[in-house]
Amino acid sequence: MPHCIVEYAAPLQNKIDVPNLVENLFEGMIDSGLFDRATIKVRATPSDHFMTGSDKQLYMHTTVKLLPGRSPQQKEMLGERLLEIKTQVLAGTAMLSVEVVDLSEAYFK
């Protein structure tokens, strides 16, 4: 645990190195000091079909799902760090967002 799930507009595959971005996000998760390397899972999924407002603006949204227990400050630091990593790669190319959420007690492994 945690799960870092990147959803992005499929046309971004032609503009950026997605495997490298996944690696950078993985390293960002490690650098946060919040997780053991062996527990981190990062994956990226393209969306072939999407709509964003009145045009087809490209986007990349990242959701980080955590077991409960991190402080709001830790979650904010993590979200800002991951957004910074994405901005370095995608600045001006796509709408970027990050959401850090606690899993419910209904999470089973």
C-alpha atoms as a PDB file:
ATOM      1  CA  MET A   1       0.000   0.000   0.000  1.00  0.00           C
ATOM      2  CA  PRO A   2      -0.344   2.817  -1.316  1.00  0.00           C
ATOM      3  CA  HIS A   3      -1.910   2.690  -4.764  1.00  0.00           C
ATOM      4  CA  CYS A   4      -1.014   5.568  -7.090  1.00  0.00           C
ATOM      5  CA  ILE A   5      -3.366   5.461 -10.074  1.00  0.00           C
ATOM      6  CA  VAL A   6      -2.741   7.760 -13.034  1.00  0.00           C
ATOM      7  CA  GLU A   7      -5.575   8.260 -15.518  1.00  0.00           C
ATOM      8  CA  TYR A   8      -4.774  10.290 -18.611  1.00  0.00           C
ATOM      9  CA  ALA A   9      -6.073  11.253 -22.033  1.00  0.00           C
ATOM     10  CA  ALA A  10      -4.677   8.656 -24.446  1.00  0.00           C
ATOM     11  CA  PRO A  11      -3.241  11.262 -26.891  1.00  0.00           C
ATOM     12  CA  LEU A  12      -0.698  12.168 -24.202  1.00  0.00           C
ATOM     13  CA  GLN A  13       1.065   8.877 -25.011  1.00  0.00           C
ATOM     14  CA  ASN A  14       2.374  10.584 -28.154  1.00  0.00           C
ATOM     15  CA  LYS A  15       3.615  13.638 -26.234  1.00  0.00           C
ATOM     16  CA  ILE A  16       5.350  12.230 -23.150  1.00  0.00           C
ATOM     17  CA  ASP A  17       7.245   9.168 -21.952  1.00  0.00           C
ATOM     18  CA  VAL A  18       4.560   7.556 -19.765  1.00  0.00           C
ATOM     19  CA  PRO A  19       6.815   4.763 -18.376  1.00  0.00           C
ATOM     20  CA  ASN A  20       9.336   7.400 -17.293  1.00  0.00           C
ATOM     21  CA  LEU A  21       6.595   9.453 -15.629  1.00  0.00           C
ATOM     22  CA  VAL A  22       5.412   6.348 -13.735  1.00  0.00           C
ATOM     23  CA  GLU A  23       8.990   5.793 -12.546  1.00  0.00           C
ATOM     24  CA  ASN A  24       9.300   9.451 -11.472  1.00  0.00           C
ATOM     25  CA  LEU A  25       6.037   9.254  -9.529  1.00  0.00           C
ATOM     26  CA  PHE A  26       7.232   6.035  -7.876  1.00  0.00           C
ATOM     27  CA  GLU A  27      10.452   7.784  -6.817  1.00  0.00           C
ATOM     28  CA  GLY A  28       8.406  10.746  -5.570  1.00  0.00           C
ATOM     29  CA  MET A  29       6.403   8.382  -3.391  1.00  0.00           C
ATOM     30  CA  ILE A  30       9.647   6.986  -1.949  1.00  0.00           C
ATOM     31  CA  ASP A  31      11.120  10.468  -1.457  1.00  0.00           C
ATOM     32  CA  SER A  32       8.058  11.475   0.570  1.00  0.00           C
ATOM     33  CA  GLY A  33       9.384   9.280   3.383  1.00  0.00           C
ATOM     34  CA  LEU A  34       5.861   8.013   4.028  1.00  0.00           C
ATOM     35  CA  PHE A  35       6.150   4.557   2.469  1.00  0.00           C
ATOM     36  CA  ASP A  36       8.372   1.520   2.204  1.00  0.00           C
ATOM     37  CA  ARG A  37       9.494   0.949  -1.411  1.00  0.00           C
ATOM     38  CA  ALA A  38       8.160  -2.631  -1.369  1.00  0.00           C
ATOM     39  CA  THR A  39       4.601  -1.463  -0.665  1.00  0.00           C
ATOM     40  CA  ILE A  40       4.219   1.202  -3.381  1.00  0.00           C
ATOM     41  CA  LYS A  41       2.130   0.472  -6.471  1.00  0.00           C
ATOM     42  CA  VAL A  42       2.006   2.965  -9.355  1.00  0.00           C
ATOM     43  CA  ARG A  43       0.064   2.354 -12.552  1.00  0.00           C
ATOM     44  CA  ALA A  44      -1.090   4.443 -15.494  1.00  0.00           C
ATOM     45  CA  THR A  45      -4.185   3.928 -17.603  1.00  0.00           C
ATOM     46  CA  PRO A  46      -5.024   5.837 -20.786  1.00  0.00           C
ATOM     47  CA  SER A  47      -8.577   6.946 -21.525  1.00  0.00           C
ATOM     48  CA  ASP A  48      -9.439   6.594 -25.192  1.00  0.00           C
ATOM     49  CA  HIS A  49     -12.849   8.191 -24.773  1.00  0.00           C
ATOM     50  CA  PHE A  50     -13.160  11.386 -22.742  1.00  0.00           C
ATOM     51  CA  MET A  51     -14.745  14.828 -22.708  1.00  0.00           C
ATOM     52  CA  THR A  52     -13.425  17.844 -20.844  1.00  0.00           C
ATOM     53  CA  GLY A  53     -15.713  20.843 -20.852  1.00  0.00           C
ATOM     54  CA  SER A  54     -16.384  22.439 -24.217  1.00  0.00           C
ATOM     55  CA  ASP A  55     -13.255  21.090 -25.882  1.00  0.00           C
ATOM     56  CA  LYS A  56     -11.104  17.986 -25.812  1.00  0.00           C
ATOM     57  CA  GLN A  57      -8.404  19.404 -23.582  1.00  0.00           C
ATOM     58  CA  LEU A  58      -5.931  16.748 -22.535  1.00  0.00           C
ATOM     59  CA  TYR A  59      -5.802  15.814 -18.854  1.00  0.00           C
ATOM     60  CA  MET A  60      -3.952  13.702 -16.323  1.00  0.00           C
ATOM     61  CA  HIS A  61      -5.511  12.902 -12.962  1.00  0.00           C
ATOM     62  CA  THR A  62      -3.709  10.980 -10.227  1.00  0.00           C
ATOM     63  CA  THR A  63      -5.452   9.335  -7.292  1.00  0.00           C
ATOM     64  CA  VAL A  64      -3.374   8.085  -4.371  1.00  0.00           C
ATOM     65  CA  LYS A  65      -5.242   5.636  -2.156  1.00  0.00           C
ATOM     66  CA  LEU A  66      -3.830   5.172   1.348  1.00  0.00           C
ATOM     67  CA  LEU A  67      -4.632   3.167   4.419  1.00  0.00           C
ATOM     68  CA  PRO A  68      -5.925   5.588   7.081  1.00  0.00           C
ATOM     69  CA  GLY A  69      -3.423   7.146   9.452  1.00  0.00           C
ATOM     70  CA  ARG A  70      -1.585   9.879   7.529  1.00  0.00           C
ATOM     71  CA  SER A  71      -2.022  13.461   8.709  1.00  0.00           C
ATOM     72  CA  PRO A  72      -3.626  16.116   6.489  1.00  0.00           C
ATOM     73  CA  GLN A  73      -0.188  17.765   6.235  1.00  0.00           C
ATOM     74  CA  GLN A  74       1.428  14.526   5.036  1.00  0.00           C
ATOM     75  CA  LYS A  75      -1.289  14.053   2.412  1.00  0.00           C
ATOM     76  CA  GLU A  76      -0.914  17.658   1.258  1.00  0.00           C
ATOM     77  CA  MET A  77       2.877  17.314   0.997  1.00  0.00           C
ATOM     78  CA  LEU A  78       2.504  14.109  -1.024  1.00  0.00           C
ATOM     79  CA  GLY A  79      -0.118  15.568  -3.355  1.00  0.00           C
ATOM     80  CA  GLU A  80       1.928  18.711  -3.981  1.00  0.00           C
ATOM     81  CA  ARG A  81       5.082  16.662  -4.657  1.00  0.00           C
ATOM     82  CA  LEU A  82       3.324  14.425  -7.189  1.00  0.00           C
ATOM     83  CA  LEU A  83       1.719  17.431  -8.881  1.00  0.00           C
ATOM     84  CA  GLU A  84       5.171  19.055  -9.114  1.00  0.00           C
ATOM     85  CA  ILE A  85       6.570  15.931 -10.810  1.00  0.00           C
ATOM     86  CA  LYS A  86       3.735  15.918 -13.333  1.00  0.00           C
ATOM     87  CA  THR A  87       4.072  19.657 -13.952  1.00  0.00           C
ATOM     88  CA  GLN A  88       7.759  19.242 -14.823  1.00  0.00           C
ATOM     89  CA  VAL A  89       6.779  16.833 -17.593  1.00  0.00           C
ATOM     90  CA  LEU A  90       3.419  18.221 -18.708  1.00  0.00           C
ATOM     91  CA  ALA A  91       3.411  21.980 -18.005  1.00  0.00           C
ATOM     92  CA  GLY A  92       1.024  23.657 -20.452  1.00  0.00           C
ATOM     93  CA  THR A  93       0.223  20.345 -22.165  1.00  0.00           C
ATOM     94  CA  ALA A  94      -2.672  19.096 -20.083  1.00  0.00           C
ATOM     95  CA  MET A  95      -4.966  19.802 -17.127  1.00  0.00           C
ATOM     96  CA  LEU A  96      -3.288  18.258 -14.078  1.00  0.00           C
ATOM     97  CA  SER A  97      -4.749  17.143 -10.764  1.00  0.00           C
ATOM     98  CA  VAL A  98      -3.893  14.938  -7.789  1.00  0.00           C
ATOM     99  CA  GLU A  99      -6.215  13.531  -5.137  1.00  0.00           C
ATOM    100  CA  VAL A 100      -4.935  11.812  -1.985  1.00  0.00           C
ATOM    101  CA  VAL A 101      -7.626   9.764  -0.249  1.00  0.00           C
ATOM    102  CA  ASP A 102      -7.948   7.315   2.615  1.00  0.00           C
ATOM    103  CA  LEU A 103      -9.360   3.904   1.849  1.00  0.00           C
ATOM    104  CA  SER A 104     -12.384   2.856   3.863  1.00  0.00           C
ATOM    105  CA  GLU A 105     -12.406   0.026   6.359  1.00  0.00           C
ATOM    106  CA  ALA A 106     -14.011  -1.998   3.566  1.00  0.00           C
ATOM    107  CA  TYR A 107     -10.626  -2.428   1.796  1.00  0.00           C
ATOM    108  CA  PHE A 108      -9.614  -6.086   1.694  1.00  0.00           C
ATOM    109  CA  LYS A 109      -6.378  -7.644   0.559  1.00  0.00           C
END
